[in-house]
Amino acid sequence: MSHLATTAQFLAQSTDSYTLTPGRAWSLVGMGFGLIGLVVGIVSRVRKAGGSRTAFTSLGTGAIGLALGVYVVTAAKGGPGTGYGIVGGVFSVLIGVAALGLGWLTLSRSRRAAVRG
């Protein structure tokens, strides 16, 4: 009987799935930075222009998104659905890593072009 009471107490205290908790907010901010870096990296790769400025923008915003995602994932005390933002944190880490990769590719291309020209 105490197991049922404990489960009922947990369900009564659980966060609504539509509530914006601090963990979810930080994961959204991290995803925003990561997405900015991802878009800048994609545009710079497609247009083959921008040079080191777009590469550093993609690297910087991707690193911020990655750091915020790692912070949210490590600070989470529960799994998905608990309101700690762990799912958004994982997505923030993945998007940040992709932005870092695109920024690195753009930076290496701009350095090769500078050596040739």
PDB file of N, CA and C in Angstrom:
ATOM      1  N   MET A   1       0.809  -1.187   0.000  1.00  0.00           N
ATOM      2  CA  MET A   1       0.000   0.000   0.000  1.00  0.00           C
ATOM      3  C   MET A   1       0.855   1.255   0.000  1.00  0.00           C
ATOM      4  N   SER A   2       2.004   1.217   0.667  1.00  0.00           N
ATOM      5  CA  SER A   2       2.853   2.406   0.710  1.00  0.00           C
ATOM      6  C   SER A   2       3.454   2.700  -0.659  1.00  0.00           C
ATOM      7  N   HIS A   3       3.653   1.653  -1.482  1.00  0.00           N
ATOM      8  CA  HIS A   3       4.176   1.878  -2.822  1.00  0.00           C
ATOM      9  C   HIS A   3       3.180   2.685  -3.654  1.00  0.00           C
ATOM     10  N   LEU A   4       1.899   2.367  -3.521  1.00  0.00           N
ATOM     11  CA  LEU A   4       0.878   3.120  -4.245  1.00  0.00           C
ATOM     12  C   LEU A   4       0.793   4.553  -3.752  1.00  0.00           C
ATOM     13  N   ALA A   5       0.943   4.759  -2.460  1.00  0.00           N
ATOM     14  CA  ALA A   5       0.903   6.114  -1.918  1.00  0.00           C
ATOM     15  C   ALA A   5       2.099   6.920  -2.414  1.00  0.00           C
ATOM     16  N   THR A   6       3.254   6.283  -2.495  1.00  0.00           N
ATOM     17  CA  THR A   6       4.442   6.979  -2.983  1.00  0.00           C
ATOM     18  C   THR A   6       4.279   7.342  -4.456  1.00  0.00           C
ATOM     19  N   THR A   7       3.733   6.444  -5.251  1.00  0.00           N
ATOM     20  CA  THR A   7       3.495   6.721  -6.660  1.00  0.00           C
ATOM     21  C   THR A   7       2.479   7.845  -6.820  1.00  0.00           C
ATOM     22  N   ALA A   8       1.438   7.843  -6.027  1.00  0.00           N
ATOM     23  CA  ALA A   8       0.432   8.897  -6.100  1.00  0.00           C
ATOM     24  C   ALA A   8       1.024  10.250  -5.708  1.00  0.00           C
ATOM     25  N   GLN A   9       1.897  10.254  -4.706  1.00  0.00           N
ATOM     26  CA  GLN A   9       2.550  11.507  -4.318  1.00  0.00           C
ATOM     27  C   GLN A   9       3.468  12.012  -5.422  1.00  0.00           C
ATOM     28  N   PHE A  10       4.176  11.099  -6.075  1.00  0.00           N
ATOM     29  CA  PHE A  10       5.061  11.501  -7.167  1.00  0.00           C
ATOM     30  C   PHE A  10       4.262  12.078  -8.319  1.00  0.00           C
ATOM     31  N   LEU A  11       3.164  11.433  -8.663  1.00  0.00           N
ATOM     32  CA  LEU A  11       2.349  11.929  -9.767  1.00  0.00           C
ATOM     33  C   LEU A  11       1.710  13.270  -9.434  1.00  0.00           C
ATOM     34  N   ALA A  12       1.374  13.475  -8.183  1.00  0.00           N
ATOM     35  CA  ALA A  12       0.785  14.756  -7.789  1.00  0.00           C
ATOM     36  C   ALA A  12       1.820  15.878  -7.840  1.00  0.00           C
ATOM     37  N   GLN A  13       3.099  15.557  -7.611  1.00  0.00           N
ATOM     38  CA  GLN A  13       4.147  16.573  -7.619  1.00  0.00           C
ATOM     39  C   GLN A  13       4.786  16.752  -8.982  1.00  0.00           C
ATOM     40  N   SER A  14       4.516  15.855  -9.923  1.00  0.00           N
ATOM     41  CA  SER A  14       5.191  15.931 -11.214  1.00  0.00           C
ATOM     42  C   SER A  14       4.770  17.188 -11.962  1.00  0.00           C
ATOM     43  N   THR A  15       5.662  17.659 -12.796  1.00  0.00           N
ATOM     44  CA  THR A  15       5.462  18.887 -13.543  1.00  0.00           C
ATOM     45  C   THR A  15       4.574  18.622 -14.740  1.00  0.00           C
ATOM     46  N   ASP A  16       3.727  19.584 -15.030  1.00  0.00           N
ATOM     47  CA  ASP A  16       2.886  19.501 -16.210  1.00  0.00           C
ATOM     48  C   ASP A  16       3.775  19.523 -17.455  1.00  0.00           C
ATOM     49  N   SER A  17       3.378  18.834 -18.486  1.00  0.00           N
ATOM     50  CA  SER A  17       4.219  18.744 -19.675  1.00  0.00           C
ATOM     51  C   SER A  17       4.295  20.059 -20.441  1.00  0.00           C
ATOM     52  N   TYR A  18       3.447  21.012 -20.117  1.00  0.00           N
ATOM     53  CA  TYR A  18       3.466  22.298 -20.810  1.00  0.00           C
ATOM     54  C   TYR A  18       4.083  23.412 -19.970  1.00  0.00           C
ATOM     55  N   THR A  19       4.561  23.109 -18.789  1.00  0.00           N
ATOM     56  CA  THR A  19       5.141  24.112 -17.908  1.00  0.00           C
ATOM     57  C   THR A  19       6.582  24.384 -18.320  1.00  0.00           C
ATOM     58  N   LEU A  20       6.932  25.655 -18.409  1.00  0.00           N
ATOM     59  CA  LEU A  20       8.297  26.022 -18.745  1.00  0.00           C
ATOM     60  C   LEU A  20       9.094  26.136 -17.453  1.00  0.00           C
ATOM     61  N   THR A  21       9.875  25.104 -17.181  1.00  0.00           N
ATOM     62  CA  THR A  21      10.699  25.067 -15.982  1.00  0.00           C
ATOM     63  C   THR A  21      12.073  25.666 -16.311  1.00  0.00           C
ATOM     64  N   PRO A  22      12.877  25.989 -15.303  1.00  0.00           N
ATOM     65  CA  PRO A  22      14.208  26.532 -15.590  1.00  0.00           C
ATOM     66  C   PRO A  22      15.086  25.593 -16.424  1.00  0.00           C
ATOM     67  N   GLY A  23      15.007  24.308 -16.177  1.00  0.00           N
ATOM     68  CA  GLY A  23      15.787  23.358 -16.975  1.00  0.00           C
ATOM     69  C   GLY A  23      15.369  23.357 -18.434  1.00  0.00           C
ATOM     70  N   ARG A  24      14.070  23.407 -18.665  1.00  0.00           N
ATOM     71  CA  ARG A  24      13.575  23.460 -20.038  1.00  0.00           C
ATOM     72  C   ARG A  24      13.953  24.776 -20.698  1.00  0.00           C
ATOM     73  N   ALA A  25      13.927  25.853 -19.943  1.00  0.00           N
ATOM     74  CA  ALA A  25      14.290  27.159 -20.503  1.00  0.00           C
ATOM     75  C   ALA A  25      15.762  27.176 -20.913  1.00  0.00           C
ATOM     76  N   TRP A  26      16.643  26.659 -20.054  1.00  0.00           N
ATOM     77  CA  TRP A  26      18.067  26.629 -20.392  1.00  0.00           C
ATOM     78  C   TRP A  26      18.337  25.728 -21.590  1.00  0.00           C
ATOM     79  N   SER A  27      17.610  24.622 -21.693  1.00  0.00           N
ATOM     80  CA  SER A  27      17.820  23.755 -22.852  1.00  0.00           C
ATOM     81  C   SER A  27      17.340  24.435 -24.127  1.00  0.00           C
ATOM     82  N   LEU A  28      16.270  25.220 -24.039  1.00  0.00           N
ATOM     83  CA  LEU A  28      15.809  25.970 -25.210  1.00  0.00           C
ATOM     84  C   LEU A  28      16.808  27.046 -25.615  1.00  0.00           C
ATOM     85  N   VAL A  29      17.403  27.713 -24.641  1.00  0.00           N
ATOM     86  CA  VAL A  29      18.419  28.722 -24.944  1.00  0.00           C
ATOM     87  C   VAL A  29      19.621  28.048 -25.608  1.00  0.00           C
ATOM     88  N   GLY A  30      20.022  26.904 -25.088  1.00  0.00           N
ATOM     89  CA  GLY A  30      21.130  26.158 -25.694  1.00  0.00           C
ATOM     90  C   GLY A  30      20.819  25.719 -27.116  1.00  0.00           C
ATOM     91  N   MET A  31      19.589  25.251 -27.343  1.00  0.00           N
ATOM     92  CA  MET A  31      19.205  24.860 -28.689  1.00  0.00           C
ATOM     93  C   MET A  31      19.168  26.066 -29.619  1.00  0.00           C
ATOM     94  N   GLY A  32      18.759  27.217 -29.096  1.00  0.00           N
ATOM     95  CA  GLY A  32      18.745  28.429 -29.914  1.00  0.00           C
ATOM     96  C   GLY A  32      20.143  28.811 -30.370  1.00  0.00           C
ATOM     97  N   PHE A  33      21.098  28.814 -29.446  1.00  0.00           N
ATOM     98  CA  PHE A  33      22.480  29.115 -29.815  1.00  0.00           C
ATOM     99  C   PHE A  33      23.015  28.076 -30.800  1.00  0.00           C
ATOM    100  N   GLY A  34      22.722  26.816 -30.545  1.00  0.00           N
ATOM    101  CA  GLY A  34      23.185  25.765 -31.447  1.00  0.00           C
ATOM    102  C   GLY A  34      22.589  25.897 -32.831  1.00  0.00           C
ATOM    103  N   LEU A  35      21.293  26.235 -32.897  1.00  0.00           N
ATOM    104  CA  LEU A  35      20.652  26.388 -34.200  1.00  0.00           C
ATOM    105  C   LEU A  35      21.208  27.578 -34.970  1.00  0.00           C
ATOM    106  N   ILE A  36      21.514  28.670 -34.268  1.00  0.00           N
ATOM    107  CA  ILE A  36      22.133  29.813 -34.936  1.00  0.00           C
ATOM    108  C   ILE A  36      23.462  29.389 -35.549  1.00  0.00           C
ATOM    109  N   GLY A  37      24.274  28.688 -34.770  1.00  0.00           N
ATOM    110  CA  GLY A  37      25.553  28.203 -35.287  1.00  0.00           C
ATOM    111  C   GLY A  37      25.384  27.227 -36.432  1.00  0.00           C
ATOM    112  N   LEU A  38      24.373  26.376 -36.352  1.00  0.00           N
ATOM    113  CA  LEU A  38      24.126  25.399 -37.406  1.00  0.00           C
ATOM    114  C   LEU A  38      23.707  26.090 -38.698  1.00  0.00           C
ATOM    115  N   VAL A  39      22.821  27.063 -38.604  1.00  0.00           N
ATOM    116  CA  VAL A  39      22.359  27.785 -39.795  1.00  0.00           C
ATOM    117  C   VAL A  39      23.503  28.577 -40.422  1.00  0.00           C
ATOM    118  N   VAL A  40      24.280  29.265 -39.597  1.00  0.00           N
ATOM    119  CA  VAL A  40      25.419  30.027 -40.125  1.00  0.00           C
ATOM    120  C   VAL A  40      26.419  29.079 -40.785  1.00  0.00           C
ATOM    121  N   GLY A  41      26.662  27.937 -40.182  1.00  0.00           N
ATOM    122  CA  GLY A  41      27.584  26.960 -40.767  1.00  0.00           C
ATOM    123  C   GLY A  41      27.086  26.397 -42.079  1.00  0.00           C
ATOM    124  N   ILE A  42      25.786  26.099 -42.152  1.00  0.00           N
ATOM    125  CA  ILE A  42      25.212  25.565 -43.387  1.00  0.00           C
ATOM    126  C   ILE A  42      25.270  26.613 -44.492  1.00  0.00           C
ATOM    127  N   VAL A  43      24.891  27.839 -44.176  1.00  0.00           N
ATOM    128  CA  VAL A  43      24.909  28.900 -45.181  1.00  0.00           C
ATOM    129  C   VAL A  43      26.324  29.155 -45.683  1.00  0.00           C
ATOM    130  N   SER A  44      27.284  29.160 -44.781  1.00  0.00           N
ATOM    131  CA  SER A  44      28.664  29.407 -45.208  1.00  0.00           C
ATOM    132  C   SER A  44      29.218  28.255 -46.041  1.00  0.00           C
ATOM    133  N   ARG A  45      28.776  27.043 -45.764  1.00  0.00           N
ATOM    134  CA  ARG A  45      29.229  25.903 -46.563  1.00  0.00           C
ATOM    135  C   ARG A  45      28.577  25.897 -47.943  1.00  0.00           C
ATOM    136  N   VAL A  46      27.302  26.276 -48.013  1.00  0.00           N
ATOM    137  CA  VAL A  46      26.588  26.252 -49.290  1.00  0.00           C
ATOM    138  C   VAL A  46      27.061  27.389 -50.197  1.00  0.00           C
ATOM    139  N   ARG A  47      27.217  28.576 -49.639  1.00  0.00           N
ATOM    140  CA  ARG A  47      27.604  29.736 -50.446  1.00  0.00           C
ATOM    141  C   ARG A  47      29.100  29.809 -50.707  1.00  0.00           C
ATOM    142  N   LYS A  48      29.869  29.067 -49.960  1.00  0.00           N
ATOM    143  CA  LYS A  48      31.329  29.078 -50.080  1.00  0.00           C
ATOM    144  C   LYS A  48      31.879  30.492 -49.942  1.00  0.00           C
ATOM    145  N   ALA A  49      31.294  31.235 -49.037  1.00  0.00           N
ATOM    146  CA  ALA A  49      31.735  32.611 -48.792  1.00  0.00           C
ATOM    147  C   ALA A  49      31.649  32.882 -47.300  1.00  0.00           C
ATOM    148  N   GLY A  50      32.198  33.979 -46.889  1.00  0.00           N
ATOM    149  CA  GLY A  50      32.112  34.362 -45.487  1.00  0.00           C
ATOM    150  C   GLY A  50      33.426  34.227 -44.765  1.00  0.00           C
ATOM    151  N   GLY A  51      34.184  33.216 -45.113  1.00  0.00           N
ATOM    152  CA  GLY A  51      35.508  33.059 -44.536  1.00  0.00           C
ATOM    153  C   GLY A  51      35.509  32.765 -43.057  1.00  0.00           C
ATOM    154  N   SER A  52      36.504  33.312 -42.404  1.00  0.00           N
ATOM    155  CA  SER A  52      36.717  32.974 -41.000  1.00  0.00           C
ATOM    156  C   SER A  52      35.670  33.621 -40.081  1.00  0.00           C
ATOM    157  N   ARG A  53      35.046  34.709 -40.506  1.00  0.00           N
ATOM    158  CA  ARG A  53      34.045  35.357 -39.658  1.00  0.00           C
ATOM    159  C   ARG A  53      32.851  34.426 -39.413  1.00  0.00           C
ATOM    160  N   THR A  54      32.331  33.823 -40.470  1.00  0.00           N
ATOM    161  CA  THR A  54      31.204  32.903 -40.283  1.00  0.00           C
ATOM    162  C   THR A  54      31.652  31.633 -39.572  1.00  0.00           C
ATOM    163  N   ALA A  55      32.888  31.225 -39.810  1.00  0.00           N
ATOM    164  CA  ALA A  55      33.397  30.031 -39.127  1.00  0.00           C
ATOM    165  C   ALA A  55      33.464  30.267 -37.622  1.00  0.00           C
ATOM    166  N   PHE A  56      33.983  31.420 -37.225  1.00  0.00           N
ATOM    167  CA  PHE A  56      34.071  31.714 -35.794  1.00  0.00           C
ATOM    168  C   PHE A  56      32.694  31.930 -35.172  1.00  0.00           C
ATOM    169  N   THR A  57      31.762  32.471 -35.935  1.00  0.00           N
ATOM    170  CA  THR A  57      30.392  32.620 -35.438  1.00  0.00           C
ATOM    171  C   THR A  57      29.775  31.249 -35.191  1.00  0.00           C
ATOM    172  N   SER A  58      29.942  30.357 -36.140  1.00  0.00           N
ATOM    173  CA  SER A  58      29.410  29.003 -35.988  1.00  0.00           C
ATOM    174  C   SER A  58      30.089  28.263 -34.840  1.00  0.00           C
ATOM    175  N   LEU A  59      31.406  28.432 -34.717  1.00  0.00           N
ATOM    176  CA  LEU A  59      32.134  27.786 -33.625  1.00  0.00           C
ATOM    177  C   LEU A  59      31.706  28.337 -32.265  1.00  0.00           C
ATOM    178  N   GLY A  60      31.584  29.646 -32.169  1.00  0.00           N
ATOM    179  CA  GLY A  60      31.232  30.265 -30.886  1.00  0.00           C
ATOM    180  C   GLY A  60      29.835  29.918 -30.420  1.00  0.00           C
ATOM    181  N   THR A  61      28.861  30.066 -31.313  1.00  0.00           N
ATOM    182  CA  THR A  61      27.484  29.776 -30.906  1.00  0.00           C
ATOM    183  C   THR A  61      27.274  28.279 -30.705  1.00  0.00           C
ATOM    184  N   GLY A  62      27.967  27.458 -31.491  1.00  0.00           N
ATOM    185  CA  GLY A  62      27.882  26.018 -31.278  1.00  0.00           C
ATOM    186  C   GLY A  62      28.470  25.604 -29.942  1.00  0.00           C
ATOM    187  N   ALA A  63      29.577  26.243 -29.551  1.00  0.00           N
ATOM    188  CA  ALA A  63      30.203  25.932 -28.265  1.00  0.00           C
ATOM    189  C   ALA A  63      29.301  26.350 -27.100  1.00  0.00           C
ATOM    190  N   ILE A  64      28.636  27.495 -27.232  1.00  0.00           N
ATOM    191  CA  ILE A  64      27.711  27.927 -26.181  1.00  0.00           C
ATOM    192  C   ILE A  64      26.538  26.959 -26.072  1.00  0.00           C
ATOM    193  N   GLY A  65      25.982  26.556 -27.220  1.00  0.00           N
ATOM    194  CA  GLY A  65      24.884  25.590 -27.207  1.00  0.00           C
ATOM    195  C   GLY A  65      25.295  24.259 -26.618  1.00  0.00           C
ATOM    196  N   LEU A  66      26.494  23.809 -26.956  1.00  0.00           N
ATOM    197  CA  LEU A  66      27.020  22.559 -26.409  1.00  0.00           C
ATOM    198  C   LEU A  66      27.208  22.666 -24.903  1.00  0.00           C
ATOM    199  N   ALA A  67      27.783  23.769 -24.446  1.00  0.00           N
ATOM    200  CA  ALA A  67      28.026  23.939 -23.008  1.00  0.00           C
ATOM    201  C   ALA A  67      26.718  24.001 -22.220  1.00  0.00           C
ATOM    202  N   LEU A  68      25.735  24.718 -22.738  1.00  0.00           N
ATOM    203  CA  LEU A  68      24.449  24.777 -22.044  1.00  0.00           C
ATOM    204  C   LEU A  68      23.757  23.418 -22.033  1.00  0.00           C
ATOM    205  N   GLY A  69      23.859  22.675 -23.125  1.00  0.00           N
ATOM    206  CA  GLY A  69      23.272  21.344 -23.171  1.00  0.00           C
ATOM    207  C   GLY A  69      23.922  20.395 -22.178  1.00  0.00           C
ATOM    208  N   VAL A  70      25.240  20.451 -22.084  1.00  0.00           N
ATOM    209  CA  VAL A  70      25.948  19.607 -21.116  1.00  0.00           C
ATOM    210  C   VAL A  70      25.558  19.998 -19.696  1.00  0.00           C
ATOM    211  N   TYR A  71      25.443  21.299 -19.443  1.00  0.00           N
ATOM    212  CA  TYR A  71      25.024  21.762 -18.114  1.00  0.00           C
ATOM    213  C   TYR A  71      23.639  21.231 -17.750  1.00  0.00           C
ATOM    214  N   VAL A  72      22.700  21.320 -18.673  1.00  0.00           N
ATOM    215  CA  VAL A  72      21.328  20.863 -18.391  1.00  0.00           C
ATOM    216  C   VAL A  72      21.310  19.354 -18.159  1.00  0.00           C
ATOM    217  N   VAL A  73      22.028  18.608 -18.972  1.00  0.00           N
ATOM    218  CA  VAL A  73      22.032  17.145 -18.833  1.00  0.00           C
ATOM    219  C   VAL A  73      22.665  16.725 -17.512  1.00  0.00           C
ATOM    220  N   THR A  74      23.764  17.375 -17.131  1.00  0.00           N
ATOM    221  CA  THR A  74      24.418  16.980 -15.885  1.00  0.00           C
ATOM    222  C   THR A  74      23.656  17.458 -14.649  1.00  0.00           C
ATOM    223  N   ALA A  75      22.914  18.541 -14.762  1.00  0.00           N
ATOM    224  CA  ALA A  75      22.173  19.055 -13.616  1.00  0.00           C
ATOM    225  C   ALA A  75      20.811  18.388 -13.448  1.00  0.00           C
ATOM    226  N   ALA A  76      20.352  17.655 -14.445  1.00  0.00           N
ATOM    227  CA  ALA A  76      19.036  17.024 -14.383  1.00  0.00           C
ATOM    228  C   ALA A  76      19.017  15.926 -13.322  1.00  0.00           C
ATOM    229  N   LYS A  77      17.964  15.935 -12.524  1.00  0.00           N
ATOM    230  CA  LYS A  77      17.817  14.932 -11.463  1.00  0.00           C
ATOM    231  C   LYS A  77      16.820  13.850 -11.831  1.00  0.00           C
ATOM    232  N   GLY A  78      16.253  13.959 -13.009  1.00  0.00           N
ATOM    233  CA  GLY A  78      15.276  12.979 -13.439  1.00  0.00           C
ATOM    234  C   GLY A  78      15.353  12.780 -14.940  1.00  0.00           C
ATOM    235  N   GLY A  79      14.558  11.875 -15.416  1.00  0.00           N
ATOM    236  CA  GLY A  79      14.558  11.556 -16.833  1.00  0.00           C
ATOM    237  C   GLY A  79      13.573  12.398 -17.614  1.00  0.00           C
ATOM    238  N   PRO A  80      13.228  11.939 -18.794  1.00  0.00           N
ATOM    239  CA  PRO A  80      12.282  12.673 -19.633  1.00  0.00           C
ATOM    240  C   PRO A  80      10.907  12.802 -18.953  1.00  0.00           C
ATOM    241  N   GLY A  81      10.335  13.974 -19.085  1.00  0.00           N
ATOM    242  CA  GLY A  81       9.010  14.210 -18.523  1.00  0.00           C
ATOM    243  C   GLY A  81       9.000  14.718 -17.101  1.00  0.00           C
ATOM    244  N   THR A  82      10.163  14.893 -16.492  1.00  0.00           N
ATOM    245  CA  THR A  82      10.206  15.354 -15.106  1.00  0.00           C
ATOM    246  C   THR A  82      10.327  16.865 -14.995  1.00  0.00           C
ATOM    247  N   GLY A  83      10.567  17.548 -16.109  1.00  0.00           N
ATOM    248  CA  GLY A  83      10.666  18.995 -16.080  1.00  0.00           C
ATOM    249  C   GLY A  83      12.061  19.535 -15.967  1.00  0.00           C
ATOM    250  N   TYR A  84      13.062  18.659 -15.983  1.00  0.00           N
ATOM    251  CA  TYR A  84      14.440  19.120 -15.864  1.00  0.00           C
ATOM    252  C   TYR A  84      15.060  19.492 -17.207  1.00  0.00           C
ATOM    253  N   GLY A  85      14.380  19.239 -18.302  1.00  0.00           N
ATOM    254  CA  GLY A  85      14.866  19.630 -19.619  1.00  0.00           C
ATOM    255  C   GLY A  85      15.917  18.729 -20.203  1.00  0.00           C
ATOM    256  N   ILE A  86      15.934  17.469 -19.783  1.00  0.00           N
ATOM    257  CA  ILE A  86      17.000  16.574 -20.238  1.00  0.00           C
ATOM    258  C   ILE A  86      16.895  16.261 -21.730  1.00  0.00           C
ATOM    259  N   VAL A  87      15.709  16.156 -22.264  1.00  0.00           N
ATOM    260  CA  VAL A  87      15.559  15.872 -23.695  1.00  0.00           C
ATOM    261  C   VAL A  87      16.055  17.059 -24.514  1.00  0.00           C
ATOM    262  N   GLY A  88      15.677  18.259 -24.115  1.00  0.00           N
ATOM    263  CA  GLY A  88      16.177  19.451 -24.792  1.00  0.00           C
ATOM    264  C   GLY A  88      17.669  19.611 -24.636  1.00  0.00           C
ATOM    265  N   GLY A  89      18.201  19.210 -23.478  1.00  0.00           N
ATOM    266  CA  GLY A  89      19.642  19.270 -23.265  1.00  0.00           C
ATOM    267  C   GLY A  89      20.401  18.346 -24.196  1.00  0.00           C
ATOM    268  N   VAL A  90      19.868  17.160 -24.406  1.00  0.00           N
ATOM    269  CA  VAL A  90      20.508  16.211 -25.323  1.00  0.00           C
ATOM    270  C   VAL A  90      20.479  16.761 -26.750  1.00  0.00           C
ATOM    271  N   PHE A  91      19.333  17.317 -27.153  1.00  0.00           N
ATOM    272  CA  PHE A  91      19.251  17.921 -28.483  1.00  0.00           C
ATOM    273  C   PHE A  91      20.196  19.113 -28.601  1.00  0.00           C
ATOM    274  N   SER A  92      20.321  19.885 -27.549  1.00  0.00           N
ATOM    275  CA  SER A  92      21.240  21.021 -27.551  1.00  0.00           C
ATOM    276  C   SER A  92      22.682  20.557 -27.727  1.00  0.00           C
ATOM    277  N   VAL A  93      23.047  19.469 -27.090  1.00  0.00           N
ATOM    278  CA  VAL A  93      24.400  18.908 -27.247  1.00  0.00           C
ATOM    279  C   VAL A  93      24.615  18.468 -28.695  1.00  0.00           C
ATOM    280  N   LEU A  94      23.652  17.756 -29.260  1.00  0.00           N
ATOM    281  CA  LEU A  94      23.794  17.263 -30.635  1.00  0.00           C
ATOM    282  C   LEU A  94      23.875  18.402 -31.643  1.00  0.00           C
ATOM    283  N   ILE A  95      23.019  19.413 -31.480  1.00  0.00           N
ATOM    284  CA  ILE A  95      23.031  20.546 -32.400  1.00  0.00           C
ATOM    285  C   ILE A  95      24.320  21.346 -32.229  1.00  0.00           C
ATOM    286  N   GLY A  96      24.785  21.503 -31.002  1.00  0.00           N
ATOM    287  CA  GLY A  96      26.037  22.212 -30.755  1.00  0.00           C
ATOM    288  C   GLY A  96      27.226  21.523 -31.379  1.00  0.00           C
ATOM    289  N   VAL A  97      27.265  20.198 -31.300  1.00  0.00           N
ATOM    290  CA  VAL A  97      28.357  19.438 -31.915  1.00  0.00           C
ATOM    291  C   VAL A  97      28.314  19.591 -33.436  1.00  0.00           C
ATOM    292  N   ALA A  98      27.115  19.556 -34.018  1.00  0.00           N
ATOM    293  CA  ALA A  98      26.986  19.741 -35.471  1.00  0.00           C
ATOM    294  C   ALA A  98      27.445  21.134 -35.887  1.00  0.00           C
ATOM    295  N   ALA A  99      27.084  22.156 -35.108  1.00  0.00           N
ATOM    296  CA  ALA A  99      27.520  23.521 -35.414  1.00  0.00           C
ATOM    297  C   ALA A  99      29.029  23.655 -35.291  1.00  0.00           C
ATOM    298  N   LEU A 100      29.614  23.031 -34.275  1.00  0.00           N
ATOM    299  CA  LEU A 100      31.070  23.048 -34.136  1.00  0.00           C
ATOM    300  C   LEU A 100      31.748  22.371 -35.329  1.00  0.00           C
ATOM    301  N   GLY A 101      31.190  21.266 -35.768  1.00  0.00           N
ATOM    302  CA  GLY A 101      31.757  20.568 -36.926  1.00  0.00           C
ATOM    303  C   GLY A 101      31.705  21.403 -38.187  1.00  0.00           C
ATOM    304  N   LEU A 102      30.554  22.043 -38.428  1.00  0.00           N
ATOM    305  CA  LEU A 102      30.447  22.895 -39.615  1.00  0.00           C
ATOM    306  C   LEU A 102      31.366  24.106 -39.514  1.00  0.00           C
ATOM    307  N   GLY A 103      31.478  24.675 -38.331  1.00  0.00           N
ATOM    308  CA  GLY A 103      32.384  25.803 -38.140  1.00  0.00           C
ATOM    309  C   GLY A 103      33.827  25.415 -38.378  1.00  0.00           C
ATOM    310  N   TRP A 104      34.204  24.235 -37.918  1.00  0.00           N
ATOM    311  CA  TRP A 104      35.573  23.758 -38.127  1.00  0.00           C
ATOM    312  C   TRP A 104      35.842  23.522 -39.609  1.00  0.00           C
ATOM    313  N   LEU A 105      34.868  22.923 -40.318  1.00  0.00           N
ATOM    314  CA  LEU A 105      35.048  22.705 -41.756  1.00  0.00           C
ATOM    315  C   LEU A 105      35.173  24.022 -42.503  1.00  0.00           C
ATOM    316  N   THR A 106      34.363  24.995 -42.145  1.00  0.00           N
ATOM    317  CA  THR A 106      34.425  26.303 -42.798  1.00  0.00           C
ATOM    318  C   THR A 106      35.747  26.994 -42.497  1.00  0.00           C
ATOM    319  N   LEU A 107      36.211  26.897 -41.262  1.00  0.00           N
ATOM    320  CA  LEU A 107      37.478  27.517 -40.886  1.00  0.00           C
ATOM    321  C   LEU A 107      38.651  26.869 -41.625  1.00  0.00           C
ATOM    322  N   SER A 108      38.634  25.561 -41.738  1.00  0.00           N
ATOM    323  CA  SER A 108      39.728  24.890 -42.450  1.00  0.00           C
ATOM    324  C   SER A 108      39.712  25.244 -43.929  1.00  0.00           C
ATOM    325  N   ARG A 109      38.530  25.399 -44.518  1.00  0.00           N
ATOM    326  CA  ARG A 109      38.450  25.794 -45.928  1.00  0.00           C
ATOM    327  C   ARG A 109      38.943  27.220 -46.127  1.00  0.00           C
ATOM    328  N   SER A 110      38.581  28.117 -45.198  1.00  0.00           N
ATOM    329  CA  SER A 110      39.015  29.505 -45.349  1.00  0.00           C
ATOM    330  C   SER A 110      40.532  29.625 -45.161  1.00  0.00           C
ATOM    331  N   ARG A 111      41.121  28.804 -44.321  1.00  0.00           N
ATOM    332  CA  ARG A 111      42.576  28.823 -44.154  1.00  0.00           C
ATOM    333  C   ARG A 111      43.285  28.269 -45.380  1.00  0.00           C
ATOM    334  N   ARG A 112      42.716  27.231 -45.979  1.00  0.00           N
ATOM    335  CA  ARG A 112      43.307  26.699 -47.227  1.00  0.00           C
ATOM    336  C   ARG A 112      43.243  27.734 -48.340  1.00  0.00           C
ATOM    337  N   ALA A 113      42.127  28.468 -48.420  1.00  0.00           N
ATOM    338  CA  ALA A 113      41.983  29.487 -49.452  1.00  0.00           C
ATOM    339  C   ALA A 113      42.967  30.638 -49.207  1.00  0.00           C
ATOM    340  N   ALA A 114      43.236  30.949 -47.942  1.00  0.00           N
ATOM    341  CA  ALA A 114      44.179  32.022 -47.637  1.00  0.00           C
ATOM    342  C   ALA A 114      45.602  31.620 -47.999  1.00  0.00           C
ATOM    343  N   VAL A 115      45.931  30.345 -47.830  1.00  0.00           N
ATOM    344  CA  VAL A 115      47.272  29.860 -48.170  1.00  0.00           C
ATOM    345  C   VAL A 115      47.461  29.866 -49.684  1.00  0.00           C
ATOM    346  N   ARG A 116      46.412  29.471 -50.416  1.00  0.00           N
ATOM    347  CA  ARG A 116      46.509  29.453 -51.886  1.00  0.00           C
ATOM    348  C   ARG A 116      46.561  30.842 -52.477  1.00  0.00           C
ATOM    349  N   GLY A 117      45.793  31.748 -51.883  1.00  0.00           N
ATOM    350  CA  GLY A 117      45.670  33.088 -52.484  1.00  0.00           C
ATOM    351  C   GLY A 117      46.574  34.034 -51.897  1.00  0.00           C
TER     352      GLY A 117
END
